[in-house]
Amino acid sequence: MYDMKKLGNLATINKSAPAATKAFWAFNEAAFADGALDRLTKELIALGVALTTQCPYCIELHTKAAREAGATDAQLSEAAMVAAAIRAGGTVTHATHMFES
């Protein structure tokens, strides 16, 4: 199912739902604009989220964007390990619901 060429079909979505997609793209642009966090930090956050949601499109796109923003192998690796720790931590803390208090 994963095929980067399919992202070309975003043009169909943009045309078919112009108001919603225009709002989405404006929101996305604003979210990634430099502010209290710089672009690299935002891309590392996006990559961590992409890894936990396991979206291959987002992983590829945000890895590329993080690299363009100056990400090193060490930064990418640490972002991945933080994402893994948070995902694992959620499993451990949710496991507490298996037991009576």
N, C-alpha and C. Protein backbone atom coordinates (compact mmCIF):
# COMPACT_ATOMS: atom_id res chain seq x y z
N MET A 1 0.81 -1.18 0.00
CA MET A 1 0.00 0.00 0.00
C MET A 1 0.87 1.27 0.00
N TYR A 2 1.99 1.24 0.68
CA TYR A 2 2.86 2.40 0.77
C TYR A 2 3.54 2.65 -0.56
N ASP A 3 3.35 3.83 -1.10
CA ASP A 3 3.95 4.21 -2.37
C ASP A 3 4.01 5.73 -2.40
N MET A 4 5.21 6.29 -2.32
CA MET A 4 5.36 7.74 -2.27
C MET A 4 4.71 8.43 -3.48
N LYS A 5 4.62 7.72 -4.61
CA LYS A 5 3.99 8.32 -5.79
C LYS A 5 2.51 8.63 -5.53
N LYS A 6 1.90 7.90 -4.61
CA LYS A 6 0.49 8.13 -4.28
C LYS A 6 0.26 9.52 -3.70
N LEU A 7 1.31 10.14 -3.14
CA LEU A 7 1.15 11.48 -2.58
C LEU A 7 0.78 12.49 -3.66
N GLY A 8 1.02 12.14 -4.92
CA GLY A 8 0.55 12.98 -6.02
C GLY A 8 -0.96 13.14 -6.03
N ASN A 9 -1.64 12.17 -5.42
CA ASN A 9 -3.10 12.22 -5.35
C ASN A 9 -3.60 13.27 -4.35
N LEU A 10 -2.69 13.89 -3.61
CA LEU A 10 -3.10 14.98 -2.74
C LEU A 10 -3.75 16.10 -3.55
N ALA A 11 -3.34 16.24 -4.80
CA ALA A 11 -3.95 17.25 -5.67
C ALA A 11 -5.45 17.02 -5.82
N THR A 12 -5.85 15.76 -5.89
CA THR A 12 -7.28 15.42 -5.99
C THR A 12 -8.01 15.81 -4.70
N ILE A 13 -7.38 15.52 -3.58
CA ILE A 13 -8.00 15.88 -2.29
C ILE A 13 -8.09 17.39 -2.17
N ASN A 14 -7.01 18.10 -2.53
CA ASN A 14 -7.01 19.56 -2.48
C ASN A 14 -8.13 20.15 -3.34
N LYS A 15 -8.32 19.57 -4.53
CA LYS A 15 -9.36 20.06 -5.46
C LYS A 15 -10.76 19.70 -4.98
N SER A 16 -10.90 18.53 -4.40
CA SER A 16 -12.22 18.03 -4.02
C SER A 16 -12.73 18.59 -2.70
N ALA A 17 -11.82 19.02 -1.85
CA ALA A 17 -12.20 19.59 -0.55
C ALA A 17 -11.35 20.84 -0.31
N PRO A 18 -11.50 21.86 -1.14
CA PRO A 18 -10.58 22.99 -1.11
C PRO A 18 -10.56 23.78 0.20
N ALA A 19 -11.69 24.01 0.79
CA ALA A 19 -11.70 24.81 2.02
C ALA A 19 -10.98 24.08 3.15
N ALA A 20 -11.29 22.82 3.31
CA ALA A 20 -10.68 22.05 4.40
C ALA A 20 -9.19 21.85 4.18
N THR A 21 -8.80 21.51 2.96
CA THR A 21 -7.38 21.29 2.71
C THR A 21 -6.59 22.59 2.78
N LYS A 22 -7.17 23.69 2.33
CA LYS A 22 -6.48 24.98 2.45
C LYS A 22 -6.23 25.29 3.93
N ALA A 23 -7.22 25.05 4.76
CA ALA A 23 -7.06 25.27 6.20
C ALA A 23 -6.02 24.33 6.79
N PHE A 24 -6.03 23.06 6.35
CA PHE A 24 -5.06 22.10 6.85
C PHE A 24 -3.64 22.53 6.50
N TRP A 25 -3.40 22.88 5.23
CA TRP A 25 -2.05 23.24 4.80
C TRP A 25 -1.57 24.51 5.49
N ALA A 26 -2.48 25.45 5.74
CA ALA A 26 -2.11 26.67 6.47
C ALA A 26 -1.73 26.33 7.91
N PHE A 27 -2.51 25.45 8.53
CA PHE A 27 -2.21 25.00 9.89
C PHE A 27 -0.86 24.30 9.94
N ASN A 28 -0.63 23.39 9.00
CA ASN A 28 0.63 22.65 8.95
C ASN A 28 1.81 23.60 8.81
N GLU A 29 1.68 24.58 7.92
CA GLU A 29 2.76 25.55 7.71
C GLU A 29 3.01 26.35 8.99
N ALA A 30 1.95 26.78 9.65
CA ALA A 30 2.10 27.54 10.89
C ALA A 30 2.74 26.69 11.99
N ALA A 31 2.35 25.43 12.06
CA ALA A 31 2.89 24.54 13.10
C ALA A 31 4.39 24.34 12.95
N PHE A 32 4.87 24.31 11.71
CA PHE A 32 6.30 24.06 11.46
C PHE A 32 7.14 25.33 11.33
N ALA A 33 6.50 26.49 11.41
CA ALA A 33 7.25 27.74 11.31
C ALA A 33 8.11 27.92 12.56
N ASP A 34 9.25 28.58 12.40
CA ASP A 34 10.09 28.87 13.55
C ASP A 34 9.31 29.69 14.57
N GLY A 35 9.49 29.37 15.79
CA GLY A 35 8.85 30.07 16.90
C GLY A 35 9.69 29.81 18.13
N ALA A 36 9.05 29.41 19.22
CA ALA A 36 9.78 29.04 20.43
C ALA A 36 10.68 27.83 20.16
N LEU A 37 10.26 26.99 19.21
CA LEU A 37 11.06 25.83 18.78
C LEU A 37 11.54 26.08 17.36
N ASP A 38 12.78 25.71 17.09
CA ASP A 38 13.29 25.86 15.73
C ASP A 38 12.83 24.69 14.86
N ARG A 39 13.08 24.82 13.57
CA ARG A 39 12.61 23.83 12.60
C ARG A 39 13.18 22.43 12.90
N LEU A 40 14.44 22.34 13.25
CA LEU A 40 15.04 21.04 13.54
C LEU A 40 14.31 20.36 14.69
N THR A 41 14.08 21.09 15.76
CA THR A 41 13.39 20.51 16.92
C THR A 41 12.00 20.03 16.52
N LYS A 42 11.30 20.84 15.76
CA LYS A 42 9.95 20.46 15.32
C LYS A 42 9.99 19.22 14.43
N GLU A 43 10.98 19.13 13.57
CA GLU A 43 11.08 17.94 12.70
C GLU A 43 11.42 16.69 13.51
N LEU A 44 12.24 16.84 14.54
CA LEU A 44 12.55 15.68 15.39
C LEU A 44 11.31 15.23 16.16
N ILE A 45 10.50 16.19 16.62
CA ILE A 45 9.24 15.84 17.28
C ILE A 45 8.33 15.12 16.28
N ALA A 46 8.21 15.69 15.09
CA ALA A 46 7.36 15.08 14.06
C ALA A 46 7.83 13.67 13.73
N LEU A 47 9.12 13.48 13.67
CA LEU A 47 9.66 12.16 13.37
C LEU A 47 9.34 11.18 14.49
N GLY A 48 9.46 11.61 15.74
CA GLY A 48 9.10 10.74 16.87
C GLY A 48 7.64 10.33 16.81
N VAL A 49 6.77 11.28 16.51
CA VAL A 49 5.34 10.97 16.38
C VAL A 49 5.12 10.02 15.21
N ALA A 50 5.78 10.30 14.09
CA ALA A 50 5.63 9.45 12.90
C ALA A 50 6.07 8.01 13.19
N LEU A 51 7.14 7.88 13.95
CA LEU A 51 7.61 6.53 14.29
C LEU A 51 6.60 5.80 15.17
N THR A 52 5.99 6.50 16.11
CA THR A 52 5.03 5.83 16.99
C THR A 52 3.71 5.55 16.29
N THR A 53 3.32 6.40 15.33
CA THR A 53 2.10 6.11 14.57
C THR A 53 2.39 5.18 13.40
N GLN A 54 3.67 4.96 13.15
CA GLN A 54 4.16 4.05 12.12
C GLN A 54 3.66 4.42 10.73
N CYS A 55 3.66 5.73 10.45
CA CYS A 55 3.27 6.22 9.12
C CYS A 55 4.51 6.30 8.24
N PRO A 56 4.63 5.42 7.25
CA PRO A 56 5.83 5.42 6.42
C PRO A 56 6.00 6.72 5.63
N TYR A 57 4.91 7.34 5.23
CA TYR A 57 5.02 8.61 4.51
C TYR A 57 5.63 9.67 5.41
N CYS A 58 5.09 9.79 6.62
CA CYS A 58 5.60 10.80 7.56
C CYS A 58 7.04 10.50 7.96
N ILE A 59 7.37 9.24 8.17
CA ILE A 59 8.74 8.89 8.52
C ILE A 59 9.69 9.35 7.42
N GLU A 60 9.36 9.05 6.18
CA GLU A 60 10.23 9.43 5.07
C GLU A 60 10.30 10.95 4.91
N LEU A 61 9.16 11.61 4.92
CA LEU A 61 9.14 13.06 4.71
C LEU A 61 9.82 13.82 5.84
N HIS A 62 9.57 13.41 7.08
CA HIS A 62 10.15 14.15 8.20
C HIS A 62 11.61 13.79 8.45
N THR A 63 12.03 12.59 8.06
CA THR A 63 13.46 12.28 8.09
C THR A 63 14.21 13.19 7.12
N LYS A 64 13.67 13.31 5.92
CA LYS A 64 14.28 14.19 4.91
C LYS A 64 14.31 15.63 5.40
N ALA A 65 13.19 16.10 5.94
CA ALA A 65 13.12 17.49 6.42
C ALA A 65 14.06 17.71 7.60
N ALA A 66 14.16 16.72 8.49
CA ALA A 66 15.09 16.84 9.62
C ALA A 66 16.53 16.90 9.13
N ARG A 67 16.85 16.07 8.16
CA ARG A 67 18.20 16.10 7.57
C ARG A 67 18.48 17.47 6.95
N GLU A 68 17.50 18.00 6.23
CA GLU A 68 17.66 19.31 5.61
C GLU A 68 17.84 20.41 6.66
N ALA A 69 17.25 20.20 7.84
CA ALA A 69 17.37 21.17 8.93
C ALA A 69 18.66 20.96 9.73
N GLY A 70 19.44 19.94 9.35
CA GLY A 70 20.74 19.73 9.98
C GLY A 70 20.83 18.56 10.93
N ALA A 71 19.82 17.71 10.98
CA ALA A 71 19.84 16.57 11.91
C ALA A 71 21.00 15.62 11.61
N THR A 72 21.64 15.18 12.68
CA THR A 72 22.72 14.20 12.58
C THR A 72 22.16 12.81 12.82
N ASP A 73 22.98 11.81 12.53
CA ASP A 73 22.58 10.43 12.84
C ASP A 73 22.27 10.28 14.33
N ALA A 74 23.08 10.91 15.17
CA ALA A 74 22.88 10.80 16.61
C ALA A 74 21.55 11.42 17.02
N GLN A 75 21.20 12.58 16.46
CA GLN A 75 19.92 13.21 16.80
C GLN A 75 18.74 12.38 16.34
N LEU A 76 18.82 11.85 15.13
CA LEU A 76 17.74 11.00 14.63
C LEU A 76 17.60 9.75 15.49
N SER A 77 18.72 9.16 15.86
CA SER A 77 18.70 7.94 16.67
C SER A 77 18.12 8.21 18.05
N GLU A 78 18.52 9.33 18.67
CA GLU A 78 17.99 9.66 19.99
C GLU A 78 16.50 9.97 19.92
N ALA A 79 16.07 10.67 18.88
CA ALA A 79 14.64 10.93 18.72
C ALA A 79 13.86 9.62 18.61
N ALA A 80 14.40 8.67 17.87
CA ALA A 80 13.75 7.36 17.73
C ALA A 80 13.68 6.64 19.07
N MET A 81 14.74 6.71 19.85
CA MET A 81 14.76 6.02 21.14
C MET A 81 13.82 6.69 22.15
N VAL A 82 13.70 8.02 22.09
CA VAL A 82 12.73 8.70 22.96
C VAL A 82 11.32 8.27 22.57
N ALA A 83 11.04 8.22 21.28
CA ALA A 83 9.72 7.77 20.82
C ALA A 83 9.44 6.35 21.29
N ALA A 84 10.44 5.48 21.20
CA ALA A 84 10.28 4.09 21.64
C ALA A 84 10.04 4.02 23.14
N ALA A 85 10.75 4.84 23.90
CA ALA A 85 10.59 4.84 25.35
C ALA A 85 9.19 5.30 25.75
N ILE A 86 8.70 6.34 25.09
CA ILE A 86 7.36 6.83 25.40
C ILE A 86 6.31 5.79 25.04
N ARG A 87 6.48 5.15 23.89
CA ARG A 87 5.53 4.10 23.47
C ARG A 87 5.56 2.94 24.47
N ALA A 88 6.75 2.52 24.87
CA ALA A 88 6.88 1.43 25.85
C ALA A 88 6.34 1.85 27.20
N GLY A 89 6.61 3.10 27.59
CA GLY A 89 6.13 3.59 28.87
C GLY A 89 4.62 3.59 28.95
N GLY A 90 3.98 3.92 27.85
CA GLY A 90 2.52 3.87 27.81
C GLY A 90 2.00 2.47 28.02
N THR A 91 2.69 1.50 27.47
CA THR A 91 2.30 0.10 27.67
C THR A 91 2.43 -0.29 29.14
N VAL A 92 3.55 0.06 29.74
CA VAL A 92 3.79 -0.28 31.14
C VAL A 92 2.77 0.39 32.05
N THR A 93 2.54 1.70 31.85
CA THR A 93 1.60 2.38 32.75
C THR A 93 0.17 1.92 32.52
N HIS A 94 -0.20 1.61 31.29
CA HIS A 94 -1.55 1.08 31.06
C HIS A 94 -1.71 -0.32 31.65
N ALA A 95 -0.62 -1.05 31.77
CA ALA A 95 -0.68 -2.38 32.37
C ALA A 95 -1.16 -2.33 33.82
N THR A 96 -1.01 -1.18 34.47
CA THR A 96 -1.47 -1.08 35.86
C THR A 96 -2.97 -1.26 35.98
N HIS A 97 -3.70 -1.09 34.88
CA HIS A 97 -5.16 -1.25 34.89
C HIS A 97 -5.57 -2.72 34.89
N MET A 98 -4.62 -3.60 34.74
CA MET A 98 -4.94 -5.03 34.73
C MET A 98 -5.17 -5.58 36.14
N PHE A 99 -4.84 -4.80 37.13
CA PHE A 99 -4.87 -5.28 38.51
C PHE A 99 -5.86 -4.48 39.35
N GLU A 100 -6.43 -5.13 40.31
CA GLU A 100 -7.33 -4.43 41.24
C GLU A 100 -6.52 -3.56 42.17
N SER A 101 -7.09 -2.42 42.50
CA SER A 101 -6.40 -1.51 43.43
C SER A 101 -6.63 -1.93 44.86
